[in-house]
Amino acid sequence: MINDAVEQVWRDYEIRPSGEVDDAQWCRRVFLDVIGRIPTYDELVEFMSDRTHDKRGALVQRLLHDDRYVEEYANHWSAVWTNLLIGRSGGTDRRDLTNRTGMQKYLRDSFAQNKTYDRLAYELVSATGSSTPGNPNFNGAVNFLIGKVNSEKATLATSSVSRIFLGQQVQCTQCHNHPFNQWKQQKFWEFNAFFRQTRALRRFVDGTNDIESAELVNEDFAGEAGTPEDALVFYEMRNGLQKVAYPVFTDGTEIGKSGYLEDTNRRDELATLMLQSEYLDKMIVNRMWSMFLGYGFTRPVDDLGPHQAPSHPVLLDALGKEFRKSSYDLKELITWITLSRPYQLEATLGKQNEIDDPTIGESPKFSRFYLRQMSAEQLYESLVAASDAKGKGSYADQEAERRKWLGQFVTAFGTDEGGEATTFNGSIPQALMLFNGELTKNATSEEAGGFIDRLSKSGRSPRDRLTQLYLTGLARRPTKNETTVAGKLLTARRGNEKEMLQDMWWAIINSNEFIMQH
């Protein structure tokens, strides 16, 4: 179905797709996208030496279902969704109600057990309980909304839920009707009314102003007129007139107007209505497609609706319906995408498909694989997997080191809103961190038992060892020119092969080719 729809667009635009990527590059690609790191040399060789006709399908199934990869799969997707739900800086301030560890634990457990997407969405929107692991009523799902409901009449909760789960950007209709789409100010406040029974309560560390934990609770809402049996919300139009809103879903479905929980639990009703919406299906399909192919069917990816024509409307609609039929199994969706023809293509732009260039505003045709950079987490995990770059000490010590490194990365590349940076801009902090940071020193260390030391004792010749180095980092063999450079380095290092390999590895992990998903 995917192939037919995408190939029809190629015919419509009279373009020919790029060729199919080779096994080694595809293996690196799918490891990065599915479990968040590049393959080790042994994993790459195991795949390349497989002679069965369905080796790619078999690898996807291994990464998704084999016990060896369950933990990495869960860690990768929990990192992706933590950043999506609470931002890269969410839960990092001691005064923050959000508990980042609690959010990650909930998501990690959910992905490890392959929780269905509809259940995940329902729990995140309707959750109550404590934000902090170890508390008797701990529920990590509350960390999505716990920092968004108290201030400014829960407007942040309104816009986040609508955008993330339904692909409907309502944030600018808080104060006025949207000039370009069907969202009106009235619809914003009707959606907002679903969150007005919800409060986040602080629990402080004894004798301090530090927040020990927070609790998300539902409570009766009297409305802004003080009449809970008819709990209304007021909002002001641009002309100064006051209007009234009650909880009404985006498709026009109304629920009870009472603010009493025993009559209507508004967030539960919202979560239930979301599961009936086709936009829930389309949004997650669009998001996952963009994560694997570089672009979604709409731009931005979380802006769906009649005002926004998707690049492949029939495919987006059909994939959403098929995902619902598959019981919202995210691993099924990942399988469909990674084994589709667009995902198998090379990342090269040729004369036959030069109009397929979304970077200049063209709608994506998916006639090639679009280059994109690794995330900070993928880069860290790839360096650790490829060259044992993690620090010494206990798991807690290593995790603290990881967070410190990612924190530096966010400082260097993050946006003001905690979102992900879209380009490596060659800044001085970036260059210094990747040139000579602690992680890079560990990755290129010559010490006994380390990556470079083990590599220097493998293979039959320096050329074999150089080939292994390039396959490990870039999933390809060295070019003639790169082999020549290595030979000159070996001479300059007076025949010390470990130093030559160290220099070459440092150059590889600091190259654009290493930090790109291609």
Protein backbone atom coordinates (compact mmCIF):
# COMPACT_ATOMS: atom_id res chain seq x y z
CA MET A 1 0.00 0.00 0.00
CA ILE A 2 2.78 2.43 0.93
CA ASN A 3 4.81 1.57 -2.17
CA ASP A 4 1.84 1.93 -4.53
CA ALA A 5 0.91 5.36 -3.18
CA VAL A 6 4.47 6.74 -3.22
CA GLU A 7 5.27 5.29 -6.66
CA GLN A 8 2.10 6.90 -8.06
CA VAL A 9 3.42 10.31 -6.99
CA TRP A 10 6.73 9.54 -8.74
CA ARG A 11 4.81 8.79 -11.94
CA ASP A 12 2.70 11.94 -11.55
CA TYR A 13 5.82 14.10 -11.30
CA GLU A 14 7.78 12.06 -13.87
CA ILE A 15 10.68 11.40 -11.54
CA ARG A 16 12.83 8.32 -11.05
CA PRO A 17 13.83 7.38 -7.50
CA SER A 18 17.41 6.96 -6.33
CA GLY A 19 18.82 3.44 -6.30
CA GLU A 20 18.49 1.05 -3.40
CA VAL A 21 20.98 1.59 -0.57
CA ASP A 22 23.48 -1.20 0.11
CA ASP A 23 23.06 -3.62 3.01
CA ALA A 24 25.67 -2.03 5.27
CA GLN A 25 24.25 1.50 5.02
CA TRP A 26 20.69 0.22 5.45
CA CYS A 27 21.74 -1.76 8.53
CA ARG A 28 23.26 1.37 10.10
CA ARG A 29 20.13 3.33 9.20
CA VAL A 30 17.66 0.91 10.75
CA PHE A 31 19.69 0.41 13.94
CA LEU A 32 19.75 4.19 14.47
CA ASP A 33 16.04 4.64 13.84
CA VAL A 34 14.72 1.60 15.74
CA ILE A 35 16.99 1.35 18.80
CA GLY A 36 18.83 4.67 18.74
CA ARG A 37 22.42 3.73 17.93
CA ILE A 38 24.62 2.47 15.10
CA PRO A 39 25.35 -1.27 14.99
CA THR A 40 28.54 -2.67 16.45
CA TYR A 41 31.05 -4.17 14.03
CA ASP A 42 29.93 -7.70 14.96
CA GLU A 43 26.25 -6.85 14.42
CA LEU A 44 27.03 -5.28 11.05
CA VAL A 45 29.10 -8.27 9.89
CA GLU A 46 26.40 -10.70 11.08
CA PHE A 47 23.83 -8.90 8.92
CA MET A 48 26.10 -8.53 5.88
CA SER A 49 27.02 -12.22 5.92
CA ASP A 50 23.34 -13.28 5.99
CA ARG A 51 22.47 -14.78 2.60
CA THR A 52 18.71 -15.22 3.09
CA HIS A 53 16.37 -13.33 0.77
CA ASP A 54 14.41 -11.62 3.59
CA LYS A 55 17.37 -10.54 5.72
CA ARG A 56 16.12 -6.96 6.06
CA GLY A 57 12.72 -8.03 7.34
CA ALA A 58 14.40 -10.48 9.70
CA LEU A 59 16.65 -7.73 11.12
CA VAL A 60 13.69 -5.42 11.77
CA GLN A 61 11.92 -8.23 13.62
CA ARG A 62 15.07 -8.92 15.65
CA LEU A 63 15.44 -5.30 16.70
CA LEU A 64 11.77 -5.06 17.63
CA HIS A 65 11.19 -8.42 19.30
CA ASP A 66 14.48 -10.08 20.32
CA ASP A 67 15.22 -9.99 24.06
CA ARG A 68 18.71 -8.67 23.29
CA TYR A 69 17.25 -5.35 22.14
CA VAL A 70 14.18 -4.84 24.35
CA GLU A 71 15.98 -2.54 26.78
CA GLU A 72 17.62 -0.44 24.07
CA TYR A 73 14.34 -0.13 22.15
CA ALA A 74 12.55 1.04 25.28
CA ASN A 75 15.33 3.47 26.26
CA HIS A 76 15.48 5.00 22.79
CA TRP A 77 11.75 5.60 22.40
CA SER A 78 11.36 6.79 25.98
CA ALA A 79 14.04 9.43 25.26
CA VAL A 80 12.25 10.47 22.04
CA TRP A 81 8.88 10.79 23.74
CA THR A 82 10.22 12.44 26.91
CA ASN A 83 11.67 15.22 24.75
CA LEU A 84 8.42 15.44 22.81
CA LEU A 85 6.12 15.55 25.85
CA ILE A 86 8.06 17.73 28.30
CA GLY A 87 10.94 19.17 26.25
CA ARG A 88 14.66 18.67 26.68
CA SER A 89 14.76 20.83 29.79
CA GLY A 90 11.53 19.60 31.39
CA GLY A 91 12.05 18.37 34.94
CA THR A 92 15.64 19.62 35.20
CA ASP A 93 14.93 22.60 37.50
CA ARG A 94 14.58 21.84 41.23
CA ARG A 95 11.45 24.05 41.36
CA ASP A 96 9.86 22.24 38.42
CA LEU A 97 6.74 20.20 39.18
CA THR A 98 7.67 17.78 36.41
CA ASN A 99 9.80 14.80 37.44
CA ARG A 100 11.90 13.81 34.43
CA THR A 101 12.91 10.47 35.93
CA GLY A 102 9.26 9.62 36.55
CA MET A 103 8.34 10.51 32.97
CA GLN A 104 11.17 8.38 31.58
CA LYS A 105 10.31 5.41 33.81
CA TYR A 106 6.68 5.42 32.71
CA LEU A 107 7.62 5.62 29.04
CA ARG A 108 10.42 3.06 29.32
CA ASP A 109 8.09 0.55 30.96
CA SER A 110 5.40 1.27 28.37
CA PHE A 111 7.68 0.70 25.38
CA ALA A 112 9.29 -2.37 26.96
CA GLN A 113 5.87 -4.04 27.18
CA ASN A 114 4.83 -2.65 23.76
CA LYS A 115 1.87 -0.79 25.20
CA THR A 116 -0.55 0.09 22.41
CA TYR A 117 -0.57 3.71 21.28
CA ASP A 118 -4.24 4.32 22.08
CA ARG A 119 -3.67 3.19 25.67
CA LEU A 120 -0.53 5.33 25.92
CA ALA A 121 -2.39 8.41 24.71
CA TYR A 122 -5.37 7.74 27.02
CA GLU A 123 -3.14 7.33 30.09
CA LEU A 124 -1.07 10.45 29.40
CA VAL A 125 -4.16 12.64 29.02
CA SER A 126 -6.23 11.21 31.90
CA ALA A 127 -3.58 10.26 34.51
CA THR A 128 -3.71 11.16 38.21
CA GLY A 129 -1.20 10.43 40.95
CA SER A 130 2.29 11.32 42.16
CA SER A 131 5.04 12.41 39.80
CA THR A 132 7.92 10.79 41.69
CA PRO A 133 9.04 7.13 41.59
CA GLY A 134 8.88 5.47 45.01
CA ASN A 135 5.81 7.31 46.21
CA PRO A 136 2.84 5.04 47.05
CA ASN A 137 0.58 6.56 44.38
CA PHE A 138 3.32 7.05 41.77
CA ASN A 139 2.05 7.34 38.20
CA GLY A 140 4.75 8.54 35.83
CA ALA A 141 2.18 9.46 33.16
CA VAL A 142 1.16 12.55 35.19
CA ASN A 143 4.45 14.23 34.34
CA PHE A 144 3.15 15.12 30.88
CA LEU A 145 0.51 17.53 32.22
CA ILE A 146 1.60 18.25 35.79
CA GLY A 147 3.64 21.30 34.84
CA LYS A 148 1.02 22.59 32.38
CA VAL A 149 -2.29 22.80 34.27
CA ASN A 150 -1.86 25.33 37.08
CA SER A 151 -0.78 28.50 35.33
CA GLU A 152 -2.68 30.62 32.81
CA LYS A 153 -5.89 28.59 33.08
CA ALA A 154 -4.24 25.41 31.74
CA THR A 155 -3.69 26.95 28.30
CA LEU A 156 -0.38 25.08 27.90
CA ALA A 157 -2.12 21.76 28.59
CA THR A 158 -4.75 22.70 26.01
CA SER A 159 -2.32 23.48 23.22
CA SER A 160 0.06 20.58 24.01
CA VAL A 161 -2.59 17.84 24.01
CA SER A 162 -4.25 19.19 20.89
CA ARG A 163 -0.98 19.54 18.97
CA ILE A 164 0.85 16.39 20.10
CA PHE A 165 -2.02 13.91 19.87
CA LEU A 166 -4.44 15.41 17.34
CA GLY A 167 -2.15 17.48 15.13
CA GLN A 168 -4.26 20.56 15.66
CA GLN A 169 -2.35 23.74 16.47
CA VAL A 170 -4.65 25.87 18.58
CA GLN A 171 -2.19 27.95 20.57
CA CYS A 172 -2.69 31.20 18.65
CA THR A 173 -6.50 30.97 18.87
CA GLN A 174 -6.38 31.61 22.61
CA CYS A 175 -6.81 35.32 21.89
CA HIS A 176 -8.33 35.48 18.39
CA ASN A 177 -9.73 33.42 15.53
CA HIS A 178 -7.08 31.71 13.40
CA PRO A 179 -6.65 33.61 10.10
CA PHE A 180 -5.82 30.53 8.00
CA ASN A 181 -7.70 27.52 9.37
CA GLN A 182 -10.97 26.41 10.91
CA TRP A 183 -9.80 26.93 14.50
CA LYS A 184 -11.74 29.69 16.20
CA GLN A 185 -11.28 31.27 19.61
CA GLN A 186 -14.47 29.58 20.81
CA LYS A 187 -13.04 26.12 19.97
CA PHE A 188 -9.86 26.82 21.94
CA TRP A 189 -11.75 27.61 25.13
CA GLU A 190 -14.18 24.72 24.61
CA PHE A 191 -11.16 22.40 24.45
CA ASN A 192 -9.57 24.18 27.40
CA ALA A 193 -12.66 23.51 29.55
CA PHE A 194 -11.74 19.80 29.64
CA PHE A 195 -8.70 20.63 31.82
CA ARG A 196 -10.32 22.90 34.38
CA GLN A 197 -11.07 20.16 36.92
CA THR A 198 -7.36 19.36 37.15
CA ARG A 199 -4.79 20.71 39.64
CA ALA A 200 -1.13 20.02 40.39
CA LEU A 201 -0.37 19.99 44.14
CA ARG A 202 3.14 20.59 45.47
CA ARG A 203 4.78 18.37 48.09
CA PHE A 204 7.85 20.06 49.63
CA VAL A 205 10.99 18.61 51.21
CA ASP A 206 10.57 19.16 54.97
CA GLY A 207 11.90 22.54 56.08
CA THR A 208 12.76 23.75 52.54
CA ASN A 209 11.20 25.35 49.49
CA ASP A 210 12.44 22.49 47.31
CA ILE A 211 9.70 20.44 45.67
CA GLU A 212 9.98 16.79 46.74
CA SER A 213 7.18 15.68 44.44
CA ALA A 214 3.94 16.84 42.93
CA GLU A 215 0.55 15.24 42.59
CA LEU A 216 -1.92 15.62 39.75
CA VAL A 217 -5.50 15.47 41.03
CA ASN A 218 -9.01 15.93 39.69
CA GLU A 219 -11.32 18.10 41.76
CA ASP A 220 -14.74 19.70 41.42
CA PHE A 221 -14.71 22.84 39.26
CA ALA A 222 -17.14 25.58 40.19
CA GLY A 223 -16.69 27.42 36.93
CA GLU A 224 -15.79 31.07 36.65
CA ALA A 225 -19.29 32.09 37.73
CA GLY A 226 -19.13 29.91 40.88
CA THR A 227 -21.89 27.52 39.77
CA PRO A 228 -20.46 23.95 39.65
CA GLU A 229 -23.65 22.41 38.25
CA ASP A 230 -23.14 24.66 35.21
CA ALA A 231 -19.36 25.15 35.33
CA LEU A 232 -18.68 27.63 32.59
CA VAL A 233 -15.49 29.28 31.35
CA PHE A 234 -15.34 32.93 30.30
CA TYR A 235 -13.03 34.29 27.61
CA GLU A 236 -12.65 37.73 26.12
CA MET A 237 -12.90 38.46 22.41
CA ARG A 238 -10.70 41.05 20.73
CA ASN A 239 -13.53 43.57 20.75
CA GLY A 240 -13.77 43.27 24.55
CA LEU A 241 -16.94 41.19 24.66
CA GLN A 242 -17.05 38.28 27.12
CA LYS A 243 -18.21 34.90 25.85
CA VAL A 244 -18.88 31.55 27.52
CA ALA A 245 -17.40 28.10 26.74
CA TYR A 246 -18.27 24.59 27.91
CA PRO A 247 -16.30 21.39 27.18
CA VAL A 248 -16.86 20.51 23.52
CA PHE A 249 -14.53 18.24 21.53
CA THR A 250 -13.01 19.42 18.25
CA ASP A 251 -15.57 17.49 16.20
CA GLY A 252 -18.45 19.24 17.97
CA THR A 253 -19.25 16.50 20.51
CA GLU A 254 -20.51 18.04 23.76
CA ILE A 255 -20.24 16.48 27.22
CA GLY A 256 -22.06 17.30 30.45
CA LYS A 257 -21.66 20.89 31.66
CA SER A 258 -21.42 19.99 35.34
CA GLY A 259 -18.15 20.68 37.11
CA TYR A 260 -18.83 17.99 39.71
CA LEU A 261 -16.52 14.99 39.25
CA GLU A 262 -19.29 12.60 40.25
CA ASP A 263 -21.29 13.87 37.27
CA THR A 264 -18.53 14.23 34.68
CA ASN A 265 -14.80 13.58 34.75
CA ARG A 266 -13.82 15.93 31.96
CA ARG A 267 -10.32 14.60 31.27
CA ASP A 268 -11.56 11.02 31.11
CA GLU A 269 -14.23 12.15 28.65
CA LEU A 270 -11.59 13.98 26.59
CA ALA A 271 -9.31 10.93 26.47
CA THR A 272 -12.24 8.76 25.35
CA LEU A 273 -13.25 11.23 22.61
CA MET A 274 -9.64 11.43 21.39
CA LEU A 275 -9.59 7.65 20.84
CA GLN A 276 -12.60 7.98 18.53
CA SER A 277 -10.99 10.69 16.40
CA GLU A 278 -9.38 9.94 13.05
CA TYR A 279 -6.91 12.71 13.84
CA LEU A 280 -5.36 10.59 16.61
CA ASP A 281 -4.55 7.93 13.98
CA LYS A 282 -3.31 10.36 11.35
CA MET A 283 -1.15 12.31 13.79
CA ILE A 284 0.86 9.36 15.09
CA VAL A 285 1.28 7.93 11.56
CA ASN A 286 2.48 11.33 10.33
CA ARG A 287 4.87 11.72 13.28
CA MET A 288 6.37 8.23 12.99
CA TRP A 289 6.76 8.60 9.21
CA SER A 290 8.68 11.85 9.73
CA MET A 291 10.94 10.22 12.32
CA PHE A 292 11.97 7.48 9.88
CA LEU A 293 11.86 9.34 6.54
CA GLY A 294 12.98 12.82 7.63
CA TYR A 295 9.75 14.60 6.66
CA GLY A 296 6.09 14.01 7.40
CA PHE A 297 3.21 14.31 4.97
CA THR A 298 2.57 17.84 6.31
CA ARG A 299 4.82 20.67 7.46
CA PRO A 300 4.92 21.20 10.33
CA VAL A 301 4.32 17.57 11.13
CA ASP A 302 1.82 18.35 13.92
CA ASP A 303 -0.48 20.60 11.90
CA LEU A 304 -3.27 18.63 10.25
CA GLY A 305 -6.65 19.74 8.97
CA PRO A 306 -8.48 21.08 5.90
CA HIS A 307 -6.19 24.12 5.66
CA GLN A 308 -3.09 21.93 5.22
CA ALA A 309 -2.87 19.74 2.12
CA PRO A 310 -0.74 16.63 2.85
CA SER A 311 1.84 15.57 0.26
CA HIS A 312 0.22 12.09 0.10
CA PRO A 313 -3.37 12.52 1.39
CA VAL A 314 -4.64 9.09 0.36
CA LEU A 315 -1.66 7.33 1.96
CA LEU A 316 -1.94 9.33 5.20
CA ASP A 317 -5.62 8.47 5.49
CA ALA A 318 -5.13 4.79 4.62
CA LEU A 319 -2.16 4.34 6.97
CA GLY A 320 -4.16 5.87 9.82
CA LYS A 321 -7.01 3.41 9.23
CA GLU A 322 -4.63 0.43 8.97
CA PHE A 323 -2.89 1.46 12.18
CA ARG A 324 -6.25 1.52 13.99
CA LYS A 325 -7.04 -1.93 12.55
CA SER A 326 -3.70 -3.23 13.85
CA SER A 327 -4.81 -2.34 17.41
CA TYR A 328 -2.42 0.62 17.51
CA ASP A 329 0.66 -1.60 17.59
CA LEU A 330 3.63 0.77 17.19
CA LYS A 331 5.98 -2.09 16.29
CA GLU A 332 3.69 -3.00 13.38
CA LEU A 333 3.81 0.60 12.15
CA ILE A 334 7.61 0.64 12.43
CA THR A 335 7.77 -2.60 10.43
CA TRP A 336 5.61 -1.19 7.63
CA ILE A 337 7.73 1.97 7.35
CA THR A 338 11.20 0.39 7.57
CA LEU A 339 10.37 -2.28 4.97
CA SER A 340 8.69 0.13 2.54
CA ARG A 341 10.47 1.07 -0.67
CA PRO A 342 11.11 4.75 0.22
CA TYR A 343 13.08 3.64 3.30
CA GLN A 344 15.34 1.42 1.15
CA LEU A 345 16.56 4.24 -1.13
CA GLU A 346 19.96 5.91 -1.24
CA ALA A 347 20.42 9.42 0.15
CA THR A 348 21.56 10.80 -3.22
CA LEU A 349 19.91 13.49 -5.33
CA GLY A 350 20.22 12.94 -9.07
CA LYS A 351 19.02 14.63 -12.26
CA GLN A 352 16.10 12.23 -12.47
CA ASN A 353 14.65 13.42 -9.13
CA GLU A 354 16.20 16.84 -8.55
CA ILE A 355 12.78 18.45 -8.00
CA ASP A 356 12.41 16.28 -4.88
CA ASP A 357 14.10 18.73 -2.55
CA PRO A 358 12.05 19.67 0.53
CA THR A 359 14.86 21.95 1.78
CA ILE A 360 13.80 24.55 -0.81
CA GLY A 361 10.10 24.29 0.02
CA GLU A 362 9.05 21.50 -2.34
CA SER A 363 6.64 18.93 -0.94
CA PRO A 364 8.55 15.68 -0.24
CA LYS A 365 8.15 12.94 -2.87
CA PHE A 366 10.26 10.39 -0.94
CA SER A 367 12.18 9.42 -4.09
CA ARG A 368 15.36 9.35 -1.99
CA PHE A 369 16.32 9.08 1.67
CA TYR A 370 16.62 12.58 3.16
CA LEU A 371 19.78 13.25 5.15
CA ARG A 372 19.33 14.37 8.72
CA GLN A 373 21.53 14.63 11.77
CA MET A 374 21.49 12.24 14.70
CA SER A 375 19.85 13.40 17.89
CA ALA A 376 22.10 14.09 20.89
CA GLU A 377 21.00 10.78 22.42
CA GLN A 378 21.73 8.82 19.24
CA LEU A 379 25.19 10.35 18.99
CA TYR A 380 26.00 9.48 22.59
CA GLU A 381 24.71 5.90 22.34
CA SER A 382 26.51 5.39 19.01
CA LEU A 383 29.86 6.45 20.44
CA VAL A 384 29.31 4.19 23.44
CA ALA A 385 28.25 1.20 21.32
CA ALA A 386 30.95 1.58 18.70
CA SER A 387 33.92 2.18 20.97
CA ASP A 388 33.01 1.49 24.61
CA ALA A 389 33.19 5.21 25.30
CA LYS A 390 31.14 5.18 28.50
CA GLY A 391 32.88 6.18 31.68
CA LYS A 392 33.97 4.03 34.57
CA GLY A 393 32.10 3.34 37.77
CA SER A 394 28.62 2.20 38.73
CA TYR A 395 25.51 2.44 36.58
CA ALA A 396 24.50 5.55 38.55
CA ASP A 397 27.89 7.15 37.83
CA GLN A 398 27.64 6.37 34.13
CA GLU A 399 24.06 7.68 33.97
CA ALA A 400 25.15 10.90 35.69
CA GLU A 401 27.96 11.25 33.14
CA ARG A 402 25.50 10.65 30.30
CA ARG A 403 23.13 13.32 31.57
CA LYS A 404 25.98 15.76 32.02
CA TRP A 405 27.11 15.18 28.42
CA LEU A 406 23.58 15.53 27.04
CA GLY A 407 23.19 18.69 29.11
CA GLN A 408 26.24 20.19 27.41
CA PHE A 409 24.83 19.15 24.08
CA VAL A 410 21.49 20.83 24.75
CA THR A 411 23.31 23.98 25.82
CA ALA A 412 25.21 23.92 22.60
CA PHE A 413 22.41 22.97 20.22
CA GLY A 414 19.07 23.33 22.02
CA THR A 415 16.40 25.92 21.30
CA ASP A 416 14.92 28.36 23.79
CA GLU A 417 11.76 26.26 24.09
CA GLY A 418 13.62 23.04 24.89
CA GLY A 419 13.03 21.72 21.40
CA GLU A 420 15.53 19.87 19.30
CA ALA A 421 18.02 21.78 17.20
CA THR A 422 17.66 21.18 13.49
CA THR A 423 21.24 21.71 12.34
CA PHE A 424 24.77 21.31 13.58
CA ASN A 425 25.93 24.86 13.05
CA GLY A 426 29.65 24.40 13.69
CA SER A 427 29.58 26.48 16.87
CA ILE A 428 32.62 26.68 19.13
CA PRO A 429 30.96 24.75 22.01
CA GLN A 430 29.99 21.98 19.58
CA ALA A 431 33.46 21.76 18.07
CA LEU A 432 35.23 21.70 21.44
CA MET A 433 32.85 19.11 22.87
CA LEU A 434 33.24 16.72 19.95
CA PHE A 435 36.96 17.38 19.43
CA ASN A 436 38.21 16.81 22.94
CA GLY A 437 35.34 16.21 25.35
CA GLU A 438 35.46 13.37 27.86
CA LEU A 439 33.31 11.10 25.69
CA THR A 440 35.62 11.57 22.69
CA LYS A 441 38.68 10.91 24.87
CA ASN A 442 37.11 7.66 26.06
CA ALA A 443 36.18 6.68 22.50
CA THR A 444 39.71 7.21 21.20
CA SER A 445 41.62 5.91 24.21
CA GLU A 446 44.56 3.57 23.56
CA GLU A 447 44.41 1.96 26.99
CA ALA A 448 44.57 -1.81 27.34
CA GLY A 449 41.26 -3.56 26.70
CA GLY A 450 39.74 -0.50 25.02
CA PHE A 451 38.33 -0.26 21.49
CA ILE A 452 41.56 0.89 19.78
CA ASP A 453 43.65 -1.66 21.69
CA ARG A 454 41.33 -4.54 20.73
CA LEU A 455 41.15 -3.35 17.14
CA SER A 456 44.94 -3.23 16.85
CA LYS A 457 45.09 -6.94 17.72
CA SER A 458 42.42 -8.05 15.24
CA GLY A 459 42.48 -8.75 11.50
CA ARG A 460 45.36 -9.95 9.38
CA SER A 461 46.87 -6.61 8.34
CA PRO A 462 46.70 -2.85 8.90
CA ARG A 463 44.38 -2.64 5.88
CA ASP A 464 41.99 -5.15 7.52
CA ARG A 465 41.98 -3.15 10.72
CA LEU A 466 41.41 0.13 8.85
CA THR A 467 38.47 -1.47 7.01
CA GLN A 468 37.00 -2.61 10.33
CA LEU A 469 37.35 0.94 11.66
CA TYR A 470 35.39 2.41 8.72
CA LEU A 471 32.72 -0.27 8.81
CA THR A 472 32.25 0.36 12.53
CA GLY A 473 31.86 4.11 12.20
CA LEU A 474 30.42 4.69 8.74
CA ALA A 475 29.18 1.26 7.54
CA ARG A 476 31.41 1.39 4.47
CA ARG A 477 34.94 0.53 3.44
CA PRO A 478 37.64 3.24 3.24
CA THR A 479 38.17 4.92 -0.13
CA LYS A 480 41.50 4.77 -1.94
CA ASN A 481 42.29 8.30 -0.76
CA GLU A 482 41.45 7.47 2.88
CA THR A 483 43.68 4.38 2.71
CA THR A 484 46.51 6.58 1.39
CA VAL A 485 46.03 9.07 4.23
CA ALA A 486 46.16 6.23 6.76
CA GLY A 487 49.42 5.01 5.22
CA LYS A 488 50.96 8.47 5.52
CA LEU A 489 49.79 8.71 9.12
CA LEU A 490 51.35 5.35 9.89
CA THR A 491 54.66 6.65 8.52
CA ALA A 492 54.32 9.90 10.47
CA ARG A 493 53.67 7.89 13.63
CA ARG A 494 56.86 5.89 13.01
CA GLY A 495 54.95 2.67 12.42
CA ASN A 496 52.86 2.92 15.61
CA GLU A 497 49.65 1.47 14.27
CA LYS A 498 47.59 2.13 17.41
CA GLU A 499 48.31 5.84 17.11
CA MET A 500 47.38 5.80 13.42
CA LEU A 501 44.07 4.04 14.21
CA GLN A 502 43.45 6.49 17.04
CA ASP A 503 43.95 9.45 14.68
CA MET A 504 41.71 7.95 11.99
CA TRP A 505 38.96 7.11 14.49
CA TRP A 506 39.06 10.64 15.89
CA ALA A 507 38.64 12.00 12.36
CA ILE A 508 35.76 9.60 11.62
CA ILE A 509 33.71 10.43 14.71
CA ASN A 510 34.20 14.15 14.10
CA SER A 511 33.05 13.92 10.47
CA ASN A 512 29.69 15.02 9.10
CA GLU A 513 29.26 11.52 7.74
CA PHE A 514 29.36 10.03 11.24
CA ILE A 515 26.84 12.40 12.82
CA MET A 516 24.37 12.11 9.93
CA GLN A 517 21.58 9.57 9.52
CA HIS A 518 22.00 8.49 5.91
